[in-house]
C-alpha atoms as a PDB file:
ATOM      1  CA  MET A   1     -10.942   6.441 -37.754  1.00  0.00           C
ATOM      2  CA  LYS A   2      -8.070   4.164 -36.838  1.00  0.00           C
ATOM      3  CA  PHE A   3      -6.163   5.544 -34.297  1.00  0.00           C
ATOM      4  CA  CYS A   4      -3.775   2.184 -33.777  1.00  0.00           C
ATOM      5  CA  GLY A   5      -2.951   3.665 -29.535  1.00  0.00           C
ATOM      6  CA  ARG A   6      -1.891   7.910 -29.690  1.00  0.00           C
ATOM      7  CA  ALA A   7      -3.766   9.764 -28.534  1.00  0.00           C
ATOM      8  CA  VAL A   8      -6.682  12.310 -31.051  1.00  0.00           C
ATOM      9  CA  ILE A   9      -4.478  14.719 -31.186  1.00  0.00           C
ATOM     10  CA  VAL A  10      -2.029  12.599 -33.293  1.00  0.00           C
ATOM     11  CA  ALA A  11      -4.578  11.700 -35.215  1.00  0.00           C
ATOM     12  CA  VAL A  12      -5.719  14.647 -36.087  1.00  0.00           C
ATOM     13  CA  ALA A  13      -1.995  16.114 -36.976  1.00  0.00           C
ATOM     14  CA  ILE A  14      -2.663  13.407 -39.712  1.00  0.00           C
ATOM     15  CA  CYS A  15      -5.583  14.582 -41.109  1.00  0.00           C
ATOM     16  CA  ILE A  16      -4.512  17.655 -41.459  1.00  0.00           C
ATOM     17  CA  TYR A  17      -1.061  16.536 -42.942  1.00  0.00           C
ATOM     18  CA  GLY A  18      -2.639  14.997 -45.470  1.00  0.00           C
ATOM     19  CA  ILE A  19      -4.496  18.312 -46.102  1.00  0.00           C
ATOM     20  CA  VAL A  20      -1.726  20.175 -46.309  1.00  0.00           C
ATOM     21  CA  LEU A  21       0.303  18.063 -48.863  1.00  0.00           C
ATOM     22  CA  SER A  22      -2.693  18.029 -51.089  1.00  0.00           C
ATOM     23  CA  ALA A  23      -1.015  21.500 -51.829  1.00  0.00           C
ATOM     24  CA  ALA A  24       1.912  22.271 -53.755  1.00  0.00           C
ATOM     25  CA  PRO A  25       3.095  26.189 -53.589  1.00  0.00           C
ATOM     26  CA  THR A  26       6.579  27.014 -54.149  1.00  0.00           C
ATOM     27  CA  MET A  27       6.425  30.433 -52.666  1.00  0.00           C
ATOM     28  CA  GLY A  28       6.754  31.667 -48.821  1.00  0.00           C
ATOM     29  CA  GLN A  29       8.520  28.180 -47.161  1.00  0.00           C
ATOM     30  CA  THR A  30      11.667  28.755 -46.086  1.00  0.00           C
ATOM     31  CA  ARG A  31      14.365  26.055 -44.324  1.00  0.00           C
ATOM     32  CA  ASP A  32      12.037  25.516 -40.864  1.00  0.00           C
ATOM     33  CA  GLN A  33       8.891  26.089 -42.536  1.00  0.00           C
ATOM     34  CA  GLY A  34       6.970  24.740 -45.560  1.00  0.00           C
ATOM     35  CA  PRO A  35       4.352  22.765 -46.810  1.00  0.00           C
ATOM     36  CA  TRP A  36       5.246  19.305 -46.038  1.00  0.00           C
ATOM     37  CA  TRP A  37       7.221  20.022 -43.595  1.00  0.00           C
ATOM     38  CA  PRO A  38       8.206  19.640 -40.599  1.00  0.00           C
ATOM     39  CA  HIS A  39       5.855  16.542 -39.917  1.00  0.00           C
ATOM     40  CA  PRO A  40       3.998  17.416 -37.906  1.00  0.00           C
ATOM     41  CA  ILE A  41       4.405  13.671 -35.667  1.00  0.00           C
ATOM     42  CA  TRP A  42       7.643  13.272 -36.393  1.00  0.00           C
ATOM     43  CA  GLY A  43       9.026  16.484 -35.900  1.00  0.00           C
ATOM     44  CA  GLN A  44      11.752  18.356 -37.965  1.00  0.00           C
ATOM     45  CA  ASP A  45      15.458  16.110 -37.536  1.00  0.00           C
ATOM     46  CA  ASP A  46      12.658  13.033 -38.627  1.00  0.00           C
ATOM     47  CA  GLN A  47      15.167  11.105 -41.023  1.00  0.00           C
ATOM     48  CA  ALA A  48      13.030   7.008 -40.496  1.00  0.00           C
ATOM     49  CA  GLY A  49       9.539   8.413 -41.930  1.00  0.00           C
ATOM     50  CA  ALA A  50       6.721   6.229 -42.539  1.00  0.00           C
ATOM     51  CA  SER A  51       9.580   2.921 -40.888  1.00  0.00           C
ATOM     52  CA  ASN A  52       8.410   4.970 -37.361  1.00  0.00           C
ATOM     53  CA  TRP A  53       4.740   3.198 -37.316  1.00  0.00           C
ATOM     54  CA  ILE A  54       6.711  -0.444 -37.353  1.00  0.00           C
ATOM     55  CA  THR A  55       6.222  -0.878 -33.739  1.00  0.00           C
ATOM     56  CA  PRO A  56       7.400  -4.037 -31.423  1.00  0.00           C
ATOM     57  CA  GLU A  57       3.734  -3.563 -31.438  1.00  0.00           C
ATOM     58  CA  LYS A  58       3.252  -4.343 -35.232  1.00  0.00           C
ATOM     59  CA  ILE A  59       5.959  -6.617 -34.557  1.00  0.00           C
ATOM     60  CA  LEU A  60       4.209  -8.867 -32.629  1.00  0.00           C
ATOM     61  CA  ASP A  61       0.731  -9.024 -35.183  1.00  0.00           C
ATOM     62  CA  ALA A  62       3.319  -9.248 -38.102  1.00  0.00           C
ATOM     63  CA  ILE A  63       3.886 -12.354 -36.310  1.00  0.00           C
ATOM     64  CA  SER A  64       1.169 -14.054 -35.900  1.00  0.00           C
ATOM     65  CA  LEU A  65       0.583 -13.976 -39.294  1.00  0.00           C
ATOM     66  CA  VAL A  66       2.110 -17.215 -39.347  1.00  0.00           C
ATOM     67  CA  LYS A  67       0.989 -20.250 -39.884  1.00  0.00           C
ATOM     68  CA  THR A  68       3.445 -22.452 -41.504  1.00  0.00           C
ATOM     69  CA  GLY A  69       6.541 -21.189 -41.917  1.00  0.00           C
ATOM     70  CA  GLN A  70       6.840 -20.820 -45.614  1.00  0.00           C
ATOM     71  CA  VAL A  71       8.456 -18.519 -47.351  1.00  0.00           C
ATOM     72  CA  TYR A  72       8.562 -16.303 -50.868  1.00  0.00           C
ATOM     73  CA  GLU A  73      11.426 -14.480 -52.142  1.00  0.00           C
ATOM     74  CA  LEU A  74      10.217 -11.343 -53.303  1.00  0.00           C
ATOM     75  CA  GLY A  75      13.174  -9.937 -54.807  1.00  0.00           C
ATOM     76  CA  HIS A  76      15.552 -11.319 -57.966  1.00  0.00           C
ATOM     77  CA  VAL A  77      19.178 -11.836 -58.507  1.00  0.00           C
ATOM     78  CA  TYR A  78      20.713  -9.084 -58.382  1.00  0.00           C
ATOM     79  CA  GLU A  79      23.790 -10.300 -61.471  1.00  0.00           C
ATOM     80  CA  ARG A  80      25.763  -8.462 -64.572  1.00  0.00           C
ATOM     81  CA  GLY A  81      22.914  -8.409 -67.816  1.00  0.00           C
ATOM     82  CA  MET A  82      19.906  -7.411 -65.195  1.00  0.00           C
ATOM     83  CA  PRO A  83      17.113  -4.623 -66.238  1.00  0.00           C
ATOM     84  CA  LEU A  84      18.782  -1.630 -65.788  1.00  0.00           C
ATOM     85  CA  LEU A  85      17.033   2.182 -65.748  1.00  0.00           C
ATOM     86  CA  GLY A  86      19.854   4.616 -68.163  1.00  0.00           C
ATOM     87  CA  GLN A  87      22.843   4.336 -67.970  1.00  0.00           C
ATOM     88  CA  ARG A  88      23.084   2.671 -64.375  1.00  0.00           C
ATOM     89  CA  THR A  89      25.673  -0.060 -63.398  1.00  0.00           C
ATOM     90  CA  PHE A  90      25.845  -3.524 -62.262  1.00  0.00           C
ATOM     91  CA  ALA A  91      28.965  -5.045 -62.397  1.00  0.00           C
ATOM     92  CA  LEU A  92      31.064  -7.617 -60.924  1.00  0.00           C
ATOM     93  CA  PHE A  93      34.855  -8.397 -60.667  1.00  0.00           C
ATOM     94  CA  ILE A  94      36.433 -11.585 -58.533  1.00  0.00           C
ATOM     95  CA  ALA A  95      39.384 -11.323 -56.709  1.00  0.00           C
ATOM     96  CA  ALA A  96      41.497 -14.549 -56.026  1.00  0.00           C
ATOM     97  CA  GLY A  97      44.005 -15.120 -53.597  1.00  0.00           C
ATOM     98  CA  THR A  98      46.966 -17.048 -53.362  1.00  0.00           C
ATOM     99  CA  PRO A  99      47.899 -19.924 -51.147  1.00  0.00           C
ATOM    100  CA  SER A 100      48.708 -18.923 -47.355  1.00  0.00           C
ATOM    101  CA  GLY A 101      49.918 -19.937 -44.963  1.00  0.00           C
ATOM    102  CA  ASP A 102      50.620 -23.541 -42.784  1.00  0.00           C
ATOM    103  CA  ASN A 103      47.214 -25.266 -44.279  1.00  0.00           C
ATOM    104  CA  GLN A 104      47.890 -23.413 -48.251  1.00  0.00           C
ATOM    105  CA  SER A 105      44.523 -21.398 -47.821  1.00  0.00           C
ATOM    106  CA  ILE A 106      42.722 -19.699 -50.075  1.00  0.00           C
ATOM    107  CA  TYR A 107      40.009 -16.788 -50.791  1.00  0.00           C
ATOM    108  CA  ASN A 108      37.716 -15.349 -53.355  1.00  0.00           C
ATOM    109  CA  ASN A 109      36.493 -10.952 -52.879  1.00  0.00           C
ATOM    110  CA  GLU A 110      34.237  -9.282 -54.924  1.00  0.00           C
ATOM    111  CA  PHE A 111      34.185  -6.158 -56.502  1.00  0.00           C
ATOM    112  CA  LEU A 112      31.248  -5.290 -56.571  1.00  0.00           C
ATOM    113  CA  SER A 113      30.987  -1.376 -59.325  1.00  0.00           C
ATOM    114  CA  ALA A 114      26.965  -0.469 -59.199  1.00  0.00           C
ATOM    115  CA  GLU A 115      24.807   2.171 -58.220  1.00  0.00           C
ATOM    116  CA  ILE A 116      24.002  -0.095 -55.440  1.00  0.00           C
ATOM    117  CA  GLY A 117      20.554   1.553 -54.207  1.00  0.00           C
ATOM    118  CA  GLN A 118      19.208   2.001 -57.693  1.00  0.00           C
ATOM    119  CA  VAL A 119      19.247  -1.412 -59.229  1.00  0.00           C
ATOM    120  CA  GLY A 120      17.327  -4.806 -59.632  1.00  0.00           C
ATOM    121  CA  THR A 121      15.398  -5.589 -56.822  1.00  0.00           C
ATOM    122  CA  GLN A 122      15.868  -1.205 -55.219  1.00  0.00           C
ATOM    123  CA  PHE A 123      14.405   0.053 -52.171  1.00  0.00           C
ATOM    124  CA  ASP A 124      14.239   4.080 -52.508  1.00  0.00           C
ATOM    125  CA  GLY A 125      15.431   5.901 -49.820  1.00  0.00           C
ATOM    126  CA  PHE A 126      14.455   9.660 -48.963  1.00  0.00           C
ATOM    127  CA  GLY A 127      17.851  10.969 -50.507  1.00  0.00           C
ATOM    128  CA  HIS A 128      16.901   9.512 -53.834  1.00  0.00           C
ATOM    129  CA  VAL A 129      14.264  11.871 -55.579  1.00  0.00           C
ATOM    130  CA  GLY A 130      13.613  16.090 -54.270  1.00  0.00           C
ATOM    131  CA  ARG A 131      12.551  19.105 -55.302  1.00  0.00           C
ATOM    132  CA  ARG A 132      14.096  22.262 -56.490  1.00  0.00           C
ATOM    133  CA  MET A 133      12.012  25.184 -55.030  1.00  0.00           C
ATOM    134  CA  THR A 134      11.433  28.626 -54.925  1.00  0.00           C
ATOM    135  CA  MET A 135      11.316  29.913 -51.399  1.00  0.00           C
ATOM    136  CA  ALA A 136      10.621  33.797 -49.434  1.00  0.00           C
ATOM    137  CA  ASP A 137      13.311  35.083 -49.752  1.00  0.00           C
ATOM    138  CA  GLY A 138      13.419  33.969 -53.627  1.00  0.00           C
ATOM    139  CA  SER A 139      16.270  31.918 -53.402  1.00  0.00           C
ATOM    140  CA  THR A 140      15.769  28.200 -55.315  1.00  0.00           C
ATOM    141  CA  GLU A 141      16.273  25.659 -52.849  1.00  0.00           C
ATOM    142  CA  ASP A 142      16.626  21.333 -54.376  1.00  0.00           C
ATOM    143  CA  VAL A 143      14.437  19.754 -50.875  1.00  0.00           C
ATOM    144  CA  TYR A 144      14.041  16.832 -50.014  1.00  0.00           C
ATOM    145  CA  TYR A 145      12.173  14.263 -47.256  1.00  0.00           C
ATOM    146  CA  ASN A 146      10.973  17.039 -44.087  1.00  0.00           C
ATOM    147  CA  GLY A 147      12.524  20.307 -45.835  1.00  0.00           C
ATOM    148  CA  PHE A 148      15.897  18.806 -45.227  1.00  0.00           C
ATOM    149  CA  THR A 149      17.902  20.879 -48.292  1.00  0.00           C
ATOM    150  CA  ALA A 150      20.316  19.947 -50.729  1.00  0.00           C
ATOM    151  CA  ASP A 151      23.198  21.557 -49.535  1.00  0.00           C
ATOM    152  CA  GLU A 152      22.833  20.802 -45.830  1.00  0.00           C
ATOM    153  CA  MET A 153      22.666  16.925 -47.467  1.00  0.00           C
ATOM    154  CA  GLN A 154      25.768  16.837 -50.200  1.00  0.00           C
ATOM    155  CA  SER A 155      28.717  15.612 -50.336  1.00  0.00           C
ATOM    156  CA  ARG A 156      31.117  14.141 -52.404  1.00  0.00           C
ATOM    157  CA  TYR A 157      31.635  10.997 -50.342  1.00  0.00           C
ATOM    158  CA  GLY A 158      27.787  10.680 -49.321  1.00  0.00           C
ATOM    159  CA  LEU A 159      25.274  12.228 -48.080  1.00  0.00           C
ATOM    160  CA  ARG A 160      25.274  14.117 -44.724  1.00  0.00           C
ATOM    161  CA  GLN A 161      21.545  14.573 -44.141  1.00  0.00           C
ATOM    162  CA  LEU A 162      18.824  11.439 -44.763  1.00  0.00           C
ATOM    163  CA  GLY A 163      21.147   8.417 -45.485  1.00  0.00           C
ATOM    164  CA  ILE A 164      19.663   5.400 -45.656  1.00  0.00           C
ATOM    165  CA  GLU A 165      21.030   4.140 -42.198  1.00  0.00           C
ATOM    166  CA  ASN A 166      17.988   6.124 -40.794  1.00  0.00           C
ATOM    167  CA  MET A 167      15.182   3.816 -41.964  1.00  0.00           C
ATOM    168  CA  LYS A 168      13.967   1.082 -39.392  1.00  0.00           C
ATOM    169  CA  PRO A 169      13.731  -2.495 -40.985  1.00  0.00           C
ATOM    170  CA  TYR A 170      10.594  -3.495 -41.877  1.00  0.00           C
ATOM    171  CA  ILE A 171       8.591  -6.625 -39.711  1.00  0.00           C
ATOM    172  CA  THR A 172       5.308  -5.850 -40.551  1.00  0.00           C
ATOM    173  CA  ARG A 173       2.324  -6.961 -42.216  1.00  0.00           C
ATOM    174  CA  GLY A 174       2.567  -7.538 -45.791  1.00  0.00           C
ATOM    175  CA  ILE A 175      -0.710  -7.086 -48.522  1.00  0.00           C
ATOM    176  CA  LEU A 176      -0.495  -8.229 -51.653  1.00  0.00           C
ATOM    177  CA  ILE A 177      -2.881  -5.674 -53.966  1.00  0.00           C
ATOM    178  CA  ASP A 178      -3.054  -7.893 -57.431  1.00  0.00           C
ATOM    179  CA  VAL A 179      -4.529  -5.739 -59.341  1.00  0.00           C
ATOM    180  CA  ALA A 180      -3.641  -8.066 -62.859  1.00  0.00           C
ATOM    181  CA  GLY A 181      -5.198 -11.042 -61.101  1.00  0.00           C
ATOM    182  CA  SER A 182      -8.383  -9.131 -60.610  1.00  0.00           C
ATOM    183  CA  LYS A 183      -8.742  -7.687 -64.526  1.00  0.00           C
ATOM    184  CA  GLY A 184      -7.801 -11.400 -65.125  1.00  0.00           C
ATOM    185  CA  LEU A 185      -4.805 -10.596 -66.964  1.00  0.00           C
ATOM    186  CA  GLU A 186      -1.703 -11.844 -66.928  1.00  0.00           C
ATOM    187  CA  ILE A 187       0.349  -8.343 -67.298  1.00  0.00           C
ATOM    188  CA  LEU A 188      -1.518  -4.655 -66.918  1.00  0.00           C
ATOM    189  CA  PRO A 189      -1.131  -2.535 -69.824  1.00  0.00           C
ATOM    190  CA  ASN A 190       1.738  -0.920 -70.082  1.00  0.00           C
ATOM    191  CA  ASP A 191       0.675   2.488 -69.355  1.00  0.00           C
ATOM    192  CA  TYR A 192      -2.125   1.913 -67.583  1.00  0.00           C
ATOM    193  CA  THR A 193      -2.898   3.933 -63.883  1.00  0.00           C
ATOM    194  CA  VAL A 194      -4.138   2.217 -61.237  1.00  0.00           C
ATOM    195  CA  THR A 195      -7.001   3.972 -59.337  1.00  0.00           C
ATOM    196  CA  LEU A 196      -8.593   3.486 -56.319  1.00  0.00           C
ATOM    197  CA  SER A 197     -11.664   1.551 -57.873  1.00  0.00           C
ATOM    198  CA  ASP A 198      -8.815  -0.606 -58.867  1.00  0.00           C
ATOM    199  CA  VAL A 199      -7.095  -0.884 -55.244  1.00  0.00           C
ATOM    200  CA  ARG A 200     -11.140  -1.637 -54.507  1.00  0.00           C
ATOM    201  CA  GLU A 201     -12.101  -4.722 -56.441  1.00  0.00           C
ATOM    202  CA  ALA A 202      -8.543  -6.059 -56.353  1.00  0.00           C
ATOM    203  CA  LEU A 203      -9.154  -5.776 -52.505  1.00  0.00           C
ATOM    204  CA  ALA A 204     -13.121  -7.301 -52.997  1.00  0.00           C
ATOM    205  CA  LYS A 205     -11.234 -10.329 -55.010  1.00  0.00           C
ATOM    206  CA  GLN A 206      -9.169 -10.906 -52.044  1.00  0.00           C
ATOM    207  CA  GLY A 207     -11.597 -11.297 -49.282  1.00  0.00           C
ATOM    208  CA  LEU A 208     -10.161  -7.956 -47.717  1.00  0.00           C
ATOM    209  CA  SER A 209     -11.030  -3.885 -47.702  1.00  0.00           C
ATOM    210  CA  GLU A 210      -9.781  -1.330 -46.968  1.00  0.00           C
ATOM    211  CA  ASP A 211     -11.471  -0.897 -43.155  1.00  0.00           C
ATOM    212  CA  GLN A 212      -8.941  -4.019 -42.255  1.00  0.00           C
ATOM    213  CA  ILE A 213      -5.354  -1.291 -44.122  1.00  0.00           C
ATOM    214  CA  GLU A 214      -3.616  -0.686 -40.892  1.00  0.00           C
ATOM    215  CA  PRO A 215      -0.816   1.945 -39.423  1.00  0.00           C
ATOM    216  CA  GLY A 216       1.717   0.504 -40.274  1.00  0.00           C
ATOM    217  CA  ASP A 217       1.462  -2.174 -42.873  1.00  0.00           C
ATOM    218  CA  ALA A 218       3.530  -2.304 -46.633  1.00  0.00           C
ATOM    219  CA  LEU A 219       1.340  -2.332 -49.585  1.00  0.00           C
ATOM    220  CA  ILE A 220       2.296  -4.322 -52.935  1.00  0.00           C
ATOM    221  CA  PHE A 221       1.122  -4.280 -56.555  1.00  0.00           C
ATOM    222  CA  HIS A 222       1.032  -6.658 -58.705  1.00  0.00           C
ATOM    223  CA  TYR A 223       1.112  -5.580 -62.010  1.00  0.00           C
ATOM    224  CA  GLY A 224       2.604  -9.065 -63.453  1.00  0.00           C
ATOM    225  CA  TRP A 225       6.426  -7.013 -64.579  1.00  0.00           C
ATOM    226  CA  TRP A 226       8.292  -9.493 -62.907  1.00  0.00           C
ATOM    227  CA  ARG A 227       7.247 -11.623 -65.985  1.00  0.00           C
ATOM    228  CA  LEU A 228       9.596  -8.852 -67.823  1.00  0.00           C
ATOM    229  CA  TRP A 229      12.493  -9.004 -66.092  1.00  0.00           C
ATOM    230  CA  ALA A 230      14.124 -12.615 -67.872  1.00  0.00           C
ATOM    231  CA  ASP A 231      14.188 -10.376 -71.107  1.00  0.00           C
ATOM    232  CA  PRO A 232      16.721  -7.104 -70.379  1.00  0.00           C
ATOM    233  CA  GLU A 233      15.146  -6.090 -74.023  1.00  0.00           C
ATOM    234  CA  GLN A 234      11.335  -6.561 -74.234  1.00  0.00           C
ATOM    235  CA  PHE A 235      11.580  -4.883 -70.462  1.00  0.00           C
ATOM    236  CA  HIS A 236      13.408  -2.132 -71.672  1.00  0.00           C
ATOM    237  CA  ALA A 237      11.214  -1.977 -74.508  1.00  0.00           C
ATOM    238  CA  ALA A 238       8.581  -1.670 -72.618  1.00  0.00           C
ATOM    239  CA  TRP A 239       9.544   0.388 -70.358  1.00  0.00           C
ATOM    240  CA  PRO A 240       8.265   4.313 -71.638  1.00  0.00           C
ATOM    241  CA  GLY A 241       5.629   3.502 -70.234  1.00  0.00           C
ATOM    242  CA  ARG A 242       4.770   1.584 -67.192  1.00  0.00           C
ATOM    243  CA  PRO A 243       1.827   0.860 -65.086  1.00  0.00           C
ATOM    244  CA  GLY A 244       1.697   2.605 -61.990  1.00  0.00           C
ATOM    245  CA  ILE A 245      -0.550   3.777 -58.939  1.00  0.00           C
ATOM    246  CA  GLY A 246      -1.842   7.184 -60.161  1.00  0.00           C
ATOM    247  CA  LYS A 247      -1.940  10.427 -57.573  1.00  0.00           C
ATOM    248  CA  GLU A 248      -5.599   9.816 -56.155  1.00  0.00           C
ATOM    249  CA  VAL A 249      -3.896   6.298 -55.539  1.00  0.00           C
ATOM    250  CA  ALA A 250      -1.003   7.288 -53.586  1.00  0.00           C
ATOM    251  CA  GLU A 251      -3.132  10.326 -51.865  1.00  0.00           C
ATOM    252  CA  TRP A 252      -5.008   7.103 -50.046  1.00  0.00           C
ATOM    253  CA  LEU A 253      -2.172   5.173 -49.338  1.00  0.00           C
ATOM    254  CA  ILE A 254      -0.784   8.411 -47.406  1.00  0.00           C
ATOM    255  CA  GLN A 255      -4.903   8.293 -45.538  1.00  0.00           C
ATOM    256  CA  GLN A 256      -4.358   5.256 -44.735  1.00  0.00           C
ATOM    257  CA  ARG A 257      -0.780   5.006 -42.643  1.00  0.00           C
ATOM    258  CA  VAL A 258       1.010   2.718 -45.113  1.00  0.00           C
ATOM    259  CA  SER A 259       5.092   2.476 -43.960  1.00  0.00           C
ATOM    260  CA  MET A 260       5.688   0.999 -47.692  1.00  0.00           C
ATOM    261  CA  VAL A 261       4.543   0.465 -50.555  1.00  0.00           C
ATOM    262  CA  GLY A 262       6.182  -1.634 -53.601  1.00  0.00           C
ATOM    263  CA  SER A 263       5.765  -3.374 -56.990  1.00  0.00           C
ATOM    264  CA  ASP A 264       6.527  -5.625 -59.245  1.00  0.00           C
ATOM    265  CA  ALA A 265       7.794  -2.337 -61.414  1.00  0.00           C
ATOM    266  CA  ALA A 266       8.701   1.329 -60.729  1.00  0.00           C
ATOM    267  CA  THR A 267       5.904   3.536 -58.047  1.00  0.00           C
ATOM    268  CA  ASP A 268       4.289   5.710 -61.051  1.00  0.00           C
ATOM    269  CA  ASP A 269       4.624   7.038 -64.120  1.00  0.00           C
ATOM    270  CA  PRO A 270       7.871   9.138 -65.702  1.00  0.00           C
ATOM    271  CA  SER A 271       6.379  12.508 -64.527  1.00  0.00           C
ATOM    272  CA  ALA A 272       7.632  11.227 -60.638  1.00  0.00           C
ATOM    273  CA  ALA A 273       4.055  12.734 -58.699  1.00  0.00           C
ATOM    274  CA  VAL A 274       3.568   9.424 -57.582  1.00  0.00           C
ATOM    275  CA  HIS A 275       7.041   9.603 -55.206  1.00  0.00           C
ATOM    276  CA  HIS A 276       6.833  12.678 -54.863  1.00  0.00           C
ATOM    277  CA  GLU A 277       3.469  12.263 -52.820  1.00  0.00           C
ATOM    278  CA  LEU A 278       4.685   9.329 -51.209  1.00  0.00           C
ATOM    279  CA  ILE A 279       8.594  10.092 -50.993  1.00  0.00           C
ATOM    280  CA  LEU A 280       9.346  14.228 -50.275  1.00  0.00           C
ATOM    281  CA  LYS A 281       6.337  14.929 -48.590  1.00  0.00           C
ATOM    282  CA  ASN A 282       4.801  12.327 -47.181  1.00  0.00           C
ATOM    283  CA  GLY A 283       8.194  10.399 -45.661  1.00  0.00           C
ATOM    284  CA  ILE A 284       6.777   6.945 -47.935  1.00  0.00           C
ATOM    285  CA  PRO A 285       9.276   4.905 -49.471  1.00  0.00           C
ATOM    286  CA  ASN A 286       8.850   2.521 -52.430  1.00  0.00           C
ATOM    287  CA  LEU A 287       9.935  -0.392 -52.883  1.00  0.00           C
ATOM    288  CA  GLU A 288      10.821  -0.921 -56.345  1.00  0.00           C
ATOM    289  CA  PHE A 289      10.874  -4.184 -59.449  1.00  0.00           C
ATOM    290  CA  MET A 290       9.939  -6.440 -56.991  1.00  0.00           C
ATOM    291  CA  ASN A 291       9.438 -10.605 -57.701  1.00  0.00           C
ATOM    292  CA  LEU A 292       6.072 -11.939 -56.752  1.00  0.00           C
ATOM    293  CA  GLU A 293       5.627 -15.030 -58.514  1.00  0.00           C
ATOM    294  CA  GLU A 294       5.196 -17.457 -56.470  1.00  0.00           C
ATOM    295  CA  LEU A 295       3.192 -15.260 -54.033  1.00  0.00           C
ATOM    296  CA  VAL A 296       0.923 -14.769 -56.922  1.00  0.00           C
ATOM    297  CA  ALA A 297       0.656 -18.162 -57.748  1.00  0.00           C
ATOM    298  CA  ASP A 298      -0.805 -19.167 -54.528  1.00  0.00           C
ATOM    299  CA  ASN A 299      -2.826 -16.985 -53.957  1.00  0.00           C
ATOM    300  CA  VAL A 300      -1.270 -15.316 -50.797  1.00  0.00           C
ATOM    301  CA  TYR A 301      -2.386 -11.717 -50.218  1.00  0.00           C
ATOM    302  CA  GLU A 302      -1.799 -11.044 -46.610  1.00  0.00           C
ATOM    303  CA  PHE A 303       1.296 -12.281 -44.740  1.00  0.00           C
ATOM    304  CA  MET A 304       4.641 -10.752 -43.099  1.00  0.00           C
ATOM    305  CA  PHE A 305       6.595  -9.042 -44.849  1.00  0.00           C
ATOM    306  CA  VAL A 306      10.325  -8.467 -44.055  1.00  0.00           C
ATOM    307  CA  PHE A 307      13.133  -6.203 -45.504  1.00  0.00           C
ATOM    308  CA  THR A 308      15.792  -4.343 -43.463  1.00  0.00           C
ATOM    309  CA  PRO A 309      17.872  -2.055 -46.044  1.00  0.00           C
ATOM    310  CA  LEU A 310      21.374  -1.748 -45.804  1.00  0.00           C
ATOM    311  CA  ARG A 311      23.065   0.131 -43.221  1.00  0.00           C
ATOM    312  CA  ILE A 312      24.449   2.199 -46.108  1.00  0.00           C
ATOM    313  CA  LYS A 313      25.593   5.731 -44.626  1.00  0.00           C
ATOM    314  CA  GLY A 314      24.729   8.359 -46.230  1.00  0.00           C
ATOM    315  CA  ALA A 315      23.371   6.198 -49.774  1.00  0.00           C
ATOM    316  CA  THR A 316      20.106   7.117 -51.301  1.00  0.00           C
ATOM    317  CA  GLY A 317      18.426   3.287 -51.208  1.00  0.00           C
ATOM    318  CA  SER A 318      19.734   0.026 -51.121  1.00  0.00           C
ATOM    319  CA  PRO A 319      19.108  -3.555 -52.147  1.00  0.00           C
ATOM    320  CA  GLY A 320      18.048  -6.113 -50.406  1.00  0.00           C
ATOM    321  CA  ARG A 321      16.224  -9.632 -49.879  1.00  0.00           C
ATOM    322  CA  PRO A 322      12.213  -8.515 -49.557  1.00  0.00           C
ATOM    323  CA  LEU A 323      10.863 -11.599 -48.148  1.00  0.00           C
ATOM    324  CA  ALA A 324       6.788 -12.550 -47.202  1.00  0.00           C
ATOM    325  CA  ILE A 325       6.136 -15.627 -44.745  1.00  0.00           C
ATOM    326  CA  ARG A 326       2.887 -16.850 -43.968  1.00  0.00           C
END
């Protein structure tokens, strides 16, 4: 067991937490005490979740991984015509100004209409996914990370709790888990569920083991889905049966105390079970629809990972420009 400089009591709390979250009772909880809240380490007021693992020591360790200074772009370009889920929108318009002043200055301004945190390469925050539950008094509540309820959170002009502005910047060690490559495939079958055996096999082929994963690491899964991004029609045809990790891997990620989970597709299947385990119950955010082409081509599996969610007060998620630096 890895303690990462923390007291034994903290490690015990983590283990107990994992056991508690394996159950999903729908009765008996109150706002102050439920099956996954309050958080046993960070407390009932926490809104930063697993980004709390990104300590100054963790950042220094990540910086030590940089040997060449080569930068890999891990995000897609945001643009009109990229694949969008459901009826989501991304529409950018330019307004040109007229010449003004002694120097006849001109300018361009943009207007963007979009579900800004849920299009393109997207970072799911804690206000994004919740669960309807029956409380001890028989009432029904919509509950989110750390027990925050919809009544506490929602307003017409942004979330009052669990907004993305509460997340800490990600400057940490990144690990690519090339599931598709370990199987000799360019892309996983659409309905493939990644197992823990798959994860261990991929790590072994990359010269890594699960014992080398440390608290605060960002784990990124390669399914090969970045290949579909340039063809929205093909992307949408494949989408209903997309690949992803199952609950077994989600529980393993929780035990590893990762700070974030990323992939070049969505995190899990349409049931959202993995979203619930990671985001809702454990405060582990997801970074979805990444572009892993160059990282995979160069067989880069360990790197400094940088991602800073935009501090949009009250937002459910964030766009961004994730980077791998080696």
